[in-house]
Amino acid sequence: MSDQPQGSRLFSRGSWLETSRTAEVLRAETTGGLLLIVAAVVALVWANSPWHASYADLRDLVVGPEALHLDLSLGAWAADGLLAIFFFVAGLELKREFVAGDLRDPRRAVLPVVAAVAGMVVPALVYVAINLGSDDLVGWAIPTATDIAFALAILAVINTHLPSGLRTFLLALAVVDDLLAITVIAVFYTDDLHLLWLAAAAVPIAAFAALARRDHGAWLLVPLGLVAWTFVHSSGVHATVAGVLLGFMIPVRRAHAVEHVVRPISAGVAVPLFAFFSAGVYVGGLDGLIEAETDPIAVGIVVGLVLGKTVGITGATWLLARFTRADLDDDLAWADVLGMSMLAGVGFTVSLLISELAFGAGTTAEEHAKVGVLTGSLLAALLAAVVLRSRNRAYRRICELEERDDDGDGIPDVFQRGDGTR
């Protein structure tokens, strides 16, 4: 290995604690990603079968108390309610990563932060360039998201053994991407803001924060969270923002325990159900598919996800290496950066959500946008699979090295120095 300082190596290994935790998180997300894919396929098949009307009836079934303005369709409950759980986990991840994780070190945080920003800006510019002069520019944010669960499911299917440095980067990229996505949703896709309801939401959120720091009364966190979610929903801000805010309120010392309980619900129930209610786009046969795919909305999304993400993340990484004189880790090559950048083009969950927010549920523009999301995510996944699969022999060798524990102390030797773990 080179004697170059660890901080000047791109995609270098983090600490053993961070690496082992990352592996645990990614295993849970992989399982959820597989369920997500199954749910999306079932929805697509049902929505385009002779019984497609029954799928639409189920998705549009309204339930909930009208007095509280919560008489929502099942599809809306999935987008506003279930995805709040997903973003609650994202909030936990964000706080833990930037307070106690490897990303608290600016030298390690700079790569995923810069890559995530470039990976959102370039796809947005691509979409705008293709749709310039039309009334559809509102969909600019659709190709900016990365779906970690879907991406990991693809890796599981192709049996790619990513080295720990790439795994940590992928998770950190997704965490920063989630922060940027929820900021975009809150700022650009909020209509009819009601400040009184937003101020009211601060009360249960503050109570949630105070109670989360105590060792007793944890059972009250759920009802407080529900009240906060209701008030944020009534304020006009998308209710998923409440999930992130509540996640931020959990102390770092308790975040892992809370995440251990909530993540399986998010990955195994909330996100797959959202995918089921959101991905069921009625195409209308080959003619309908051609019409949707040739719509500039869909073209902008596909090119943004496939090309924009790849150019943005790879380009940002190259510029960072060029101007900081930082080299890739010795075991890795630029093909790995290219493959990871392509994998980040799997937008899916958040892209589907933004499609609904941008164009309105049930509109032709929204349906075409969702076709673009599904097509772009699938194409990005296939291209990434080809590139990463071609590097699998090298990945296996690195993984064997990272699992070797000759002294039998439970910590792989590569994560140790003379005085303990790194």
Protein backbone atom coordinates (compact mmCIF):
# COMPACT_ATOMS: atom_id res chain seq x y z
CA MET A 1 0.00 0.00 0.00
CA SER A 2 1.09 3.56 -0.60
CA ASP A 3 2.42 5.69 2.24
CA GLN A 4 0.20 8.53 1.08
CA PRO A 5 -2.04 9.80 3.91
CA GLN A 6 -5.40 8.12 4.21
CA GLY A 7 -7.28 11.38 3.82
CA SER A 8 -5.86 11.93 0.31
CA ARG A 9 -7.07 8.58 -1.02
CA LEU A 10 -10.46 8.44 -2.73
CA PHE A 11 -12.74 5.50 -1.81
CA SER A 12 -10.32 4.34 0.90
CA ARG A 13 -11.51 2.07 3.69
CA GLY A 14 -13.12 3.69 6.70
CA SER A 15 -12.95 2.47 10.27
CA TRP A 16 -13.92 -1.11 11.09
CA LEU A 17 -16.86 0.18 13.16
CA GLU A 18 -18.17 2.20 10.23
CA THR A 19 -17.52 -0.58 7.72
CA SER A 20 -19.32 -3.24 9.78
CA ARG A 21 -22.27 -0.93 10.39
CA THR A 22 -22.45 -0.05 6.68
CA ALA A 23 -22.56 -3.75 5.83
CA GLU A 24 -25.46 -4.25 8.28
CA VAL A 25 -27.42 -1.34 6.79
CA LEU A 26 -26.84 -2.47 3.23
CA ARG A 27 -28.01 -6.00 3.98
CA ALA A 28 -31.33 -4.64 5.26
CA GLU A 29 -31.68 -2.30 2.27
CA THR A 30 -30.89 -5.13 -0.16
CA THR A 31 -33.76 -7.23 1.17
CA GLY A 32 -36.06 -4.22 0.99
CA GLY A 33 -34.89 -3.52 -2.55
CA LEU A 34 -35.82 -6.98 -3.71
CA LEU A 35 -39.30 -6.55 -2.19
CA LEU A 36 -39.50 -3.14 -3.86
CA ILE A 37 -38.77 -4.64 -7.28
CA VAL A 38 -41.37 -7.38 -6.77
CA ALA A 39 -43.99 -4.80 -5.70
CA ALA A 40 -43.25 -2.60 -8.72
CA VAL A 41 -43.47 -5.52 -11.15
CA VAL A 42 -46.78 -6.69 -9.65
CA ALA A 43 -48.17 -3.15 -9.93
CA LEU A 44 -47.06 -2.77 -13.56
CA VAL A 45 -48.50 -6.13 -14.57
CA TRP A 46 -51.80 -5.53 -12.78
CA ALA A 47 -52.11 -1.94 -14.10
CA ASN A 48 -51.69 -3.17 -17.70
CA SER A 49 -53.80 -6.31 -17.41
CA PRO A 50 -57.47 -6.68 -18.37
CA TRP A 51 -58.19 -5.91 -14.71
CA HIS A 52 -56.37 -2.58 -14.71
CA ALA A 53 -59.52 -0.74 -13.58
CA SER A 54 -59.50 -2.65 -10.28
CA TYR A 55 -55.91 -1.54 -9.62
CA ALA A 56 -56.88 2.09 -10.21
CA ASP A 57 -59.94 1.69 -7.96
CA LEU A 58 -57.77 0.30 -5.15
CA ARG A 59 -55.14 3.03 -5.52
CA ASP A 60 -57.79 5.77 -5.55
CA LEU A 61 -59.85 4.39 -2.65
CA VAL A 62 -60.29 7.22 -0.14
CA VAL A 63 -59.95 6.50 3.57
CA GLY A 64 -59.36 8.69 6.63
CA PRO A 65 -61.17 11.39 8.64
CA GLU A 66 -62.38 14.31 6.55
CA ALA A 67 -62.53 16.60 9.58
CA LEU A 68 -58.74 16.44 9.89
CA HIS A 69 -58.24 16.83 6.13
CA LEU A 70 -56.90 13.28 6.11
CA ASP A 71 -59.45 11.80 3.73
CA LEU A 72 -56.75 10.60 1.34
CA SER A 73 -56.55 7.92 -1.32
CA LEU A 74 -54.48 4.84 -0.57
CA GLY A 75 -51.94 6.08 -3.10
CA ALA A 76 -51.68 9.41 -1.27
CA TRP A 77 -51.37 7.65 2.09
CA ALA A 78 -48.47 5.65 0.65
CA ALA A 79 -46.73 8.78 -0.67
CA ASP A 80 -47.40 11.07 2.29
CA GLY A 81 -47.53 8.59 5.15
CA LEU A 82 -45.43 5.52 4.39
CA LEU A 83 -42.62 7.52 2.80
CA ALA A 84 -42.45 9.64 5.97
CA ILE A 85 -41.13 6.46 7.63
CA PHE A 86 -38.53 6.14 4.86
CA PHE A 87 -37.42 9.74 5.38
CA PHE A 88 -37.41 9.28 9.17
CA VAL A 89 -34.75 6.62 8.66
CA ALA A 90 -32.95 9.01 6.30
CA GLY A 91 -32.99 11.62 9.07
CA LEU A 92 -31.46 9.12 11.50
CA GLU A 93 -28.78 8.28 8.92
CA LEU A 94 -27.98 11.92 8.25
CA LYS A 95 -27.54 12.80 11.91
CA ARG A 96 -25.48 9.73 12.70
CA GLU A 97 -23.24 10.06 9.65
CA PHE A 98 -22.40 13.72 10.16
CA VAL A 99 -22.17 13.62 13.96
CA ALA A 100 -20.58 10.25 14.74
CA GLY A 101 -19.87 8.54 11.41
CA ASP A 102 -16.92 8.77 9.06
CA LEU A 103 -18.54 11.79 7.39
CA ARG A 104 -17.81 13.93 10.45
CA ASP A 105 -14.29 14.09 9.01
CA PRO A 106 -14.36 16.78 6.27
CA ARG A 107 -11.70 14.90 4.31
CA ARG A 108 -13.94 11.86 4.03
CA ALA A 109 -17.17 13.84 3.63
CA VAL A 110 -16.04 15.97 0.71
CA LEU A 111 -16.22 13.21 -1.93
CA PRO A 112 -19.80 11.98 -1.34
CA VAL A 113 -21.05 15.53 -0.77
CA VAL A 114 -19.49 16.92 -3.95
CA ALA A 115 -20.49 13.81 -5.93
CA ALA A 116 -24.09 13.97 -4.66
CA VAL A 117 -24.42 17.66 -5.53
CA ALA A 118 -22.98 17.15 -9.02
CA GLY A 119 -25.13 14.03 -9.39
CA MET A 120 -28.22 16.17 -8.87
CA VAL A 121 -27.22 19.33 -10.73
CA VAL A 122 -26.16 17.69 -14.00
CA PRO A 123 -29.32 15.53 -14.44
CA ALA A 124 -31.45 18.59 -13.69
CA LEU A 125 -29.60 20.60 -16.34
CA VAL A 126 -30.00 17.75 -18.83
CA TYR A 127 -33.76 17.65 -18.21
CA VAL A 128 -34.06 21.43 -18.55
CA ALA A 129 -32.06 21.44 -21.79
CA ILE A 130 -34.35 18.83 -23.35
CA ASN A 131 -37.57 20.49 -22.16
CA LEU A 132 -36.50 24.12 -22.61
CA GLY A 133 -39.31 26.27 -23.97
CA SER A 134 -42.09 23.95 -22.77
CA ASP A 135 -44.39 24.12 -19.75
CA ASP A 136 -42.88 20.95 -18.30
CA LEU A 137 -39.76 22.41 -16.68
CA VAL A 138 -41.40 21.81 -13.30
CA GLY A 139 -40.19 18.21 -13.56
CA TRP A 140 -36.50 19.21 -13.42
CA ALA A 141 -35.94 17.50 -10.05
CA ILE A 142 -37.29 14.08 -11.09
CA PRO A 143 -33.99 12.63 -12.42
CA THR A 144 -31.92 13.96 -9.50
CA ALA A 145 -32.65 11.21 -6.95
CA THR A 146 -30.82 7.96 -6.17
CA ASP A 147 -32.66 4.90 -4.80
CA ILE A 148 -30.23 3.01 -2.55
CA ALA A 149 -32.56 0.02 -2.01
CA PHE A 150 -33.22 -0.57 -5.71
CA ALA A 151 -29.51 -0.14 -6.50
CA LEU A 152 -28.47 -2.65 -3.85
CA ALA A 153 -31.05 -5.14 -5.03
CA ILE A 154 -29.46 -4.99 -8.48
CA LEU A 155 -26.05 -5.67 -6.93
CA ALA A 156 -27.50 -8.64 -5.06
CA VAL A 157 -29.00 -10.07 -8.24
CA ILE A 158 -25.72 -9.82 -10.18
CA ASN A 159 -23.75 -11.07 -7.15
CA THR A 160 -21.24 -8.23 -7.13
CA HIS A 161 -18.91 -8.10 -4.11
CA LEU A 162 -18.29 -4.40 -3.62
CA PRO A 163 -15.21 -3.46 -1.57
CA SER A 164 -15.88 -1.64 1.70
CA GLY A 165 -14.68 1.70 0.33
CA LEU A 166 -17.24 1.60 -2.48
CA ARG A 167 -20.00 0.38 -0.15
CA THR A 168 -19.34 3.23 2.27
CA PHE A 169 -19.29 5.74 -0.58
CA LEU A 170 -22.58 4.43 -1.99
CA LEU A 171 -24.32 4.70 1.38
CA ALA A 172 -22.87 8.16 2.09
CA LEU A 173 -23.87 9.31 -1.39
CA ALA A 174 -27.42 8.09 -0.80
CA VAL A 175 -27.59 9.82 2.60
CA VAL A 176 -26.49 13.19 1.15
CA ASP A 177 -28.79 12.64 -1.83
CA ASP A 178 -31.75 12.10 0.52
CA LEU A 179 -30.94 15.36 2.32
CA LEU A 180 -30.81 17.27 -0.96
CA ALA A 181 -33.99 15.58 -2.21
CA ILE A 182 -36.04 16.45 0.87
CA THR A 183 -34.73 20.04 0.66
CA VAL A 184 -35.86 20.24 -2.97
CA ILE A 185 -39.29 18.84 -2.06
CA ALA A 186 -39.72 21.27 0.83
CA VAL A 187 -38.56 24.35 -1.09
CA PHE A 188 -39.79 23.80 -4.64
CA TYR A 189 -42.84 21.55 -4.30
CA THR A 190 -44.73 23.22 -1.47
CA ASP A 191 -48.01 24.93 -2.44
CA ASP A 192 -50.37 27.00 -0.29
CA LEU A 193 -48.13 27.24 2.77
CA HIS A 194 -50.07 27.65 6.03
CA LEU A 195 -47.67 29.12 8.58
CA LEU A 196 -50.04 28.58 11.52
CA TRP A 197 -50.06 24.82 11.00
CA LEU A 198 -46.29 24.85 10.48
CA ALA A 199 -45.80 26.74 13.75
CA ALA A 200 -48.13 24.29 15.48
CA ALA A 201 -45.98 21.40 14.23
CA ALA A 202 -43.01 22.84 16.12
CA VAL A 203 -44.70 21.99 19.44
CA PRO A 204 -44.96 18.18 19.04
CA ILE A 205 -41.55 18.12 17.32
CA ALA A 206 -39.98 19.92 20.29
CA ALA A 207 -41.75 17.56 22.70
CA PHE A 208 -40.55 14.61 20.61
CA ALA A 209 -36.96 15.92 20.82
CA ALA A 210 -37.13 16.38 24.60
CA LEU A 211 -38.65 12.95 25.20
CA ALA A 212 -36.18 11.22 22.86
CA ARG A 213 -33.37 12.28 25.20
CA ARG A 214 -34.94 10.56 28.19
CA ASP A 215 -34.69 6.91 29.05
CA HIS A 216 -38.38 6.62 29.94
CA GLY A 217 -41.64 7.33 28.11
CA ALA A 218 -40.43 6.18 24.70
CA TRP A 219 -43.93 4.90 23.93
CA LEU A 220 -45.07 8.54 23.64
CA LEU A 221 -42.75 9.14 20.69
CA VAL A 222 -45.11 7.45 18.24
CA PRO A 223 -48.23 9.56 19.03
CA LEU A 224 -46.11 12.73 19.13
CA GLY A 225 -44.67 11.82 15.75
CA LEU A 226 -48.15 11.24 14.33
CA VAL A 227 -49.35 14.64 15.59
CA ALA A 228 -46.29 16.33 14.11
CA TRP A 229 -46.86 14.54 10.80
CA THR A 230 -50.54 15.65 10.76
CA PHE A 231 -49.65 19.30 11.39
CA VAL A 232 -46.90 19.34 8.74
CA HIS A 233 -49.31 17.71 6.28
CA SER A 234 -51.91 20.40 7.01
CA SER A 235 -49.29 23.15 6.57
CA GLY A 236 -48.88 22.46 2.85
CA VAL A 237 -45.28 21.25 3.24
CA HIS A 238 -44.98 17.68 2.03
CA ALA A 239 -45.52 15.42 5.02
CA THR A 240 -42.32 13.43 4.39
CA VAL A 241 -40.41 16.48 5.67
CA ALA A 242 -41.81 15.67 9.10
CA GLY A 243 -40.10 12.29 8.93
CA VAL A 244 -36.67 13.84 8.37
CA LEU A 245 -37.17 16.43 11.12
CA LEU A 246 -38.19 13.77 13.63
CA GLY A 247 -35.19 11.65 12.64
CA PHE A 248 -32.93 14.62 13.38
CA MET A 249 -34.41 14.82 16.87
CA ILE A 250 -33.17 11.38 17.95
CA PRO A 251 -29.89 11.58 19.93
CA VAL A 252 -26.96 9.84 18.26
CA ARG A 253 -26.53 7.51 21.24
CA ARG A 254 -30.04 6.15 20.63
CA ALA A 255 -30.12 6.38 16.85
CA HIS A 256 -28.78 2.90 16.19
CA ALA A 257 -31.38 1.25 18.48
CA VAL A 258 -34.24 3.24 16.93
CA GLU A 259 -32.95 2.57 13.43
CA HIS A 260 -32.74 -1.16 14.19
CA VAL A 261 -36.49 -1.14 14.93
CA VAL A 262 -37.70 1.22 12.19
CA ARG A 263 -35.48 0.33 9.21
CA PRO A 264 -37.10 -3.11 8.61
CA ILE A 265 -40.51 -1.42 8.60
CA SER A 266 -39.27 1.17 6.12
CA ALA A 267 -37.39 -1.21 3.81
CA GLY A 268 -39.73 -4.18 4.09
CA VAL A 269 -43.16 -2.52 4.24
CA ALA A 270 -43.31 1.23 3.63
CA VAL A 271 -41.18 1.55 0.49
CA PRO A 272 -42.50 -1.61 -1.26
CA LEU A 273 -46.09 -0.52 -0.62
CA PHE A 274 -45.33 2.95 -2.00
CA ALA A 275 -43.79 1.29 -5.06
CA PHE A 276 -46.90 -0.86 -5.47
CA PHE A 277 -49.25 2.13 -5.45
CA SER A 278 -46.97 4.44 -7.45
CA ALA A 279 -45.36 2.27 -10.14
CA GLY A 280 -48.59 0.91 -11.62
CA VAL A 281 -48.69 3.08 -14.73
CA TYR A 282 -51.21 2.14 -17.41
CA VAL A 283 -49.24 2.25 -20.66
CA GLY A 284 -51.97 1.30 -23.12
CA GLY A 285 -50.09 -1.13 -25.34
CA LEU A 286 -47.16 -0.56 -27.67
CA ASP A 287 -48.56 2.67 -29.11
CA GLY A 288 -49.03 4.10 -25.64
CA LEU A 289 -45.52 3.06 -24.62
CA ILE A 290 -44.00 4.71 -27.70
CA GLU A 291 -46.00 7.87 -27.05
CA ALA A 292 -44.81 7.98 -23.44
CA GLU A 293 -41.16 7.21 -24.22
CA THR A 294 -40.93 9.88 -26.92
CA ASP A 295 -42.45 12.58 -24.74
CA PRO A 296 -39.68 15.14 -23.93
CA ILE A 297 -40.61 14.69 -20.26
CA ALA A 298 -39.68 11.01 -20.34
CA VAL A 299 -36.67 11.61 -22.60
CA GLY A 300 -35.33 14.24 -20.20
CA ILE A 301 -35.74 11.91 -17.25
CA VAL A 302 -34.13 8.90 -18.96
CA VAL A 303 -31.15 10.88 -20.25
CA GLY A 304 -30.85 12.67 -16.92
CA LEU A 305 -30.75 9.45 -14.92
CA VAL A 306 -28.53 7.47 -17.28
CA LEU A 307 -26.17 10.10 -18.68
CA GLY A 308 -26.56 13.00 -16.24
CA LYS A 309 -25.84 10.97 -13.12
CA THR A 310 -22.87 9.25 -14.75
CA VAL A 311 -21.31 12.47 -16.02
CA GLY A 312 -22.07 14.38 -12.81
CA ILE A 313 -20.64 11.90 -10.30
CA THR A 314 -17.72 10.66 -12.42
CA GLY A 315 -16.85 14.20 -13.48
CA ALA A 316 -16.99 15.55 -9.91
CA THR A 317 -14.78 12.72 -8.69
CA TRP A 318 -12.25 13.33 -11.47
CA LEU A 319 -12.17 17.07 -10.77
CA LEU A 320 -11.72 16.40 -7.06
CA ALA A 321 -8.82 14.09 -7.81
CA ARG A 322 -7.35 16.54 -10.30
CA PHE A 323 -7.40 19.65 -8.13
CA THR A 324 -6.66 18.05 -4.75
CA ARG A 325 -4.05 15.66 -6.16
CA ALA A 326 -5.86 12.80 -4.43
CA ASP A 327 -5.52 9.37 -6.00
CA LEU A 328 -7.97 6.48 -6.08
CA ASP A 329 -7.34 3.80 -3.48
CA ASP A 330 -4.67 1.39 -4.73
CA ASP A 331 -7.11 -1.48 -5.22
CA LEU A 332 -9.59 0.48 -7.34
CA ALA A 333 -9.80 1.81 -10.90
CA TRP A 334 -11.79 4.51 -12.70
CA ALA A 335 -14.05 1.78 -14.09
CA ASP A 336 -15.31 1.36 -10.51
CA VAL A 337 -16.17 5.06 -10.32
CA LEU A 338 -17.98 4.81 -13.66
CA GLY A 339 -19.97 1.77 -12.52
CA MET A 340 -20.96 3.40 -9.22
CA SER A 341 -21.99 6.57 -11.05
CA MET A 342 -24.21 4.54 -13.38
CA LEU A 343 -25.71 2.72 -10.41
CA ALA A 344 -26.63 6.07 -8.85
CA GLY A 345 -28.86 6.62 -11.90
CA VAL A 346 -31.41 4.26 -10.34
CA GLY A 347 -33.86 6.93 -9.17
CA PHE A 348 -37.13 5.07 -8.64
CA THR A 349 -38.70 5.76 -5.20
CA VAL A 350 -38.01 9.48 -4.70
CA SER A 351 -38.20 10.13 -8.47
CA LEU A 352 -41.69 8.60 -8.55
CA LEU A 353 -42.67 10.78 -5.58
CA ILE A 354 -41.39 13.96 -7.25
CA SER A 355 -43.22 12.99 -10.47
CA GLU A 356 -46.50 13.12 -8.56
CA LEU A 357 -45.61 16.39 -6.85
CA ALA A 358 -44.45 18.04 -10.07
CA PHE A 359 -47.28 17.13 -12.43
CA GLY A 360 -50.13 16.00 -10.18
CA ALA A 361 -51.39 12.46 -9.70
CA GLY A 362 -53.33 10.96 -12.58
CA THR A 363 -52.23 13.43 -15.27
CA THR A 364 -50.79 12.34 -18.61
CA ALA A 365 -47.57 14.22 -17.84
CA GLU A 366 -47.21 12.33 -14.55
CA GLU A 367 -47.77 8.98 -16.26
CA HIS A 368 -45.16 9.78 -18.91
CA ALA A 369 -42.77 10.95 -16.20
CA LYS A 370 -43.17 7.67 -14.35
CA VAL A 371 -42.53 5.71 -17.52
CA GLY A 372 -39.33 7.74 -17.86
CA VAL A 373 -38.36 6.97 -14.27
CA LEU A 374 -38.93 3.24 -14.70
CA THR A 375 -37.10 3.13 -18.03
CA GLY A 376 -34.18 5.27 -16.88
CA SER A 377 -33.75 3.36 -13.62
CA LEU A 378 -33.81 0.01 -15.40
CA LEU A 379 -31.37 1.14 -18.09
CA ALA A 380 -29.00 2.65 -15.51
CA ALA A 381 -29.13 -0.57 -13.50
CA LEU A 382 -28.35 -2.74 -16.53
CA LEU A 383 -25.40 -0.59 -17.61
CA ALA A 384 -24.03 -0.50 -14.06
CA ALA A 385 -24.41 -4.28 -13.81
CA VAL A 386 -22.31 -4.76 -16.94
CA VAL A 387 -19.50 -2.49 -15.73
CA LEU A 388 -19.43 -3.68 -12.11
CA ARG A 389 -19.78 -7.33 -13.05
CA SER A 390 -16.69 -7.01 -15.25
CA ARG A 391 -14.75 -5.99 -12.12
CA ASN A 392 -16.08 -8.75 -9.91
CA ARG A 393 -12.85 -10.78 -9.92
CA ALA A 394 -10.97 -7.80 -8.48
CA TYR A 395 -13.77 -7.22 -5.97
CA ARG A 396 -13.61 -10.81 -4.76
CA ARG A 397 -9.88 -10.46 -4.15
CA ILE A 398 -10.39 -7.24 -2.18
CA CYS A 399 -13.25 -8.74 -0.15
CA GLU A 400 -11.13 -11.77 0.75
CA LEU A 401 -8.45 -9.40 2.01
CA GLU A 402 -11.01 -7.40 4.00
CA GLU A 403 -12.35 -10.57 5.65
CA ARG A 404 -8.98 -12.09 6.58
CA ASP A 405 -8.49 -12.33 10.35
CA ASP A 406 -5.26 -14.24 11.02
CA ASP A 407 -5.08 -13.27 14.70
CA GLY A 408 -8.67 -14.38 15.34
CA ASP A 409 -9.69 -11.28 17.29
CA GLY A 410 -12.87 -10.72 15.30
CA ILE A 411 -11.51 -7.68 13.46
CA PRO A 412 -10.10 -8.19 9.93
CA ASP A 413 -6.38 -7.54 9.83
CA VAL A 414 -6.63 -4.92 7.09
CA PHE A 415 -8.58 -2.63 9.47
CA GLN A 416 -5.87 -2.82 12.13
CA ARG A 417 -2.68 -1.02 12.87
CA GLY A 418 -0.21 -1.77 15.58
CA ASP A 419 -2.37 -0.07 18.22
CA GLY A 420 -5.81 -1.39 17.29
CA THR A 421 -8.61 -0.66 14.91
CA ARG A 422 -8.58 2.11 12.43
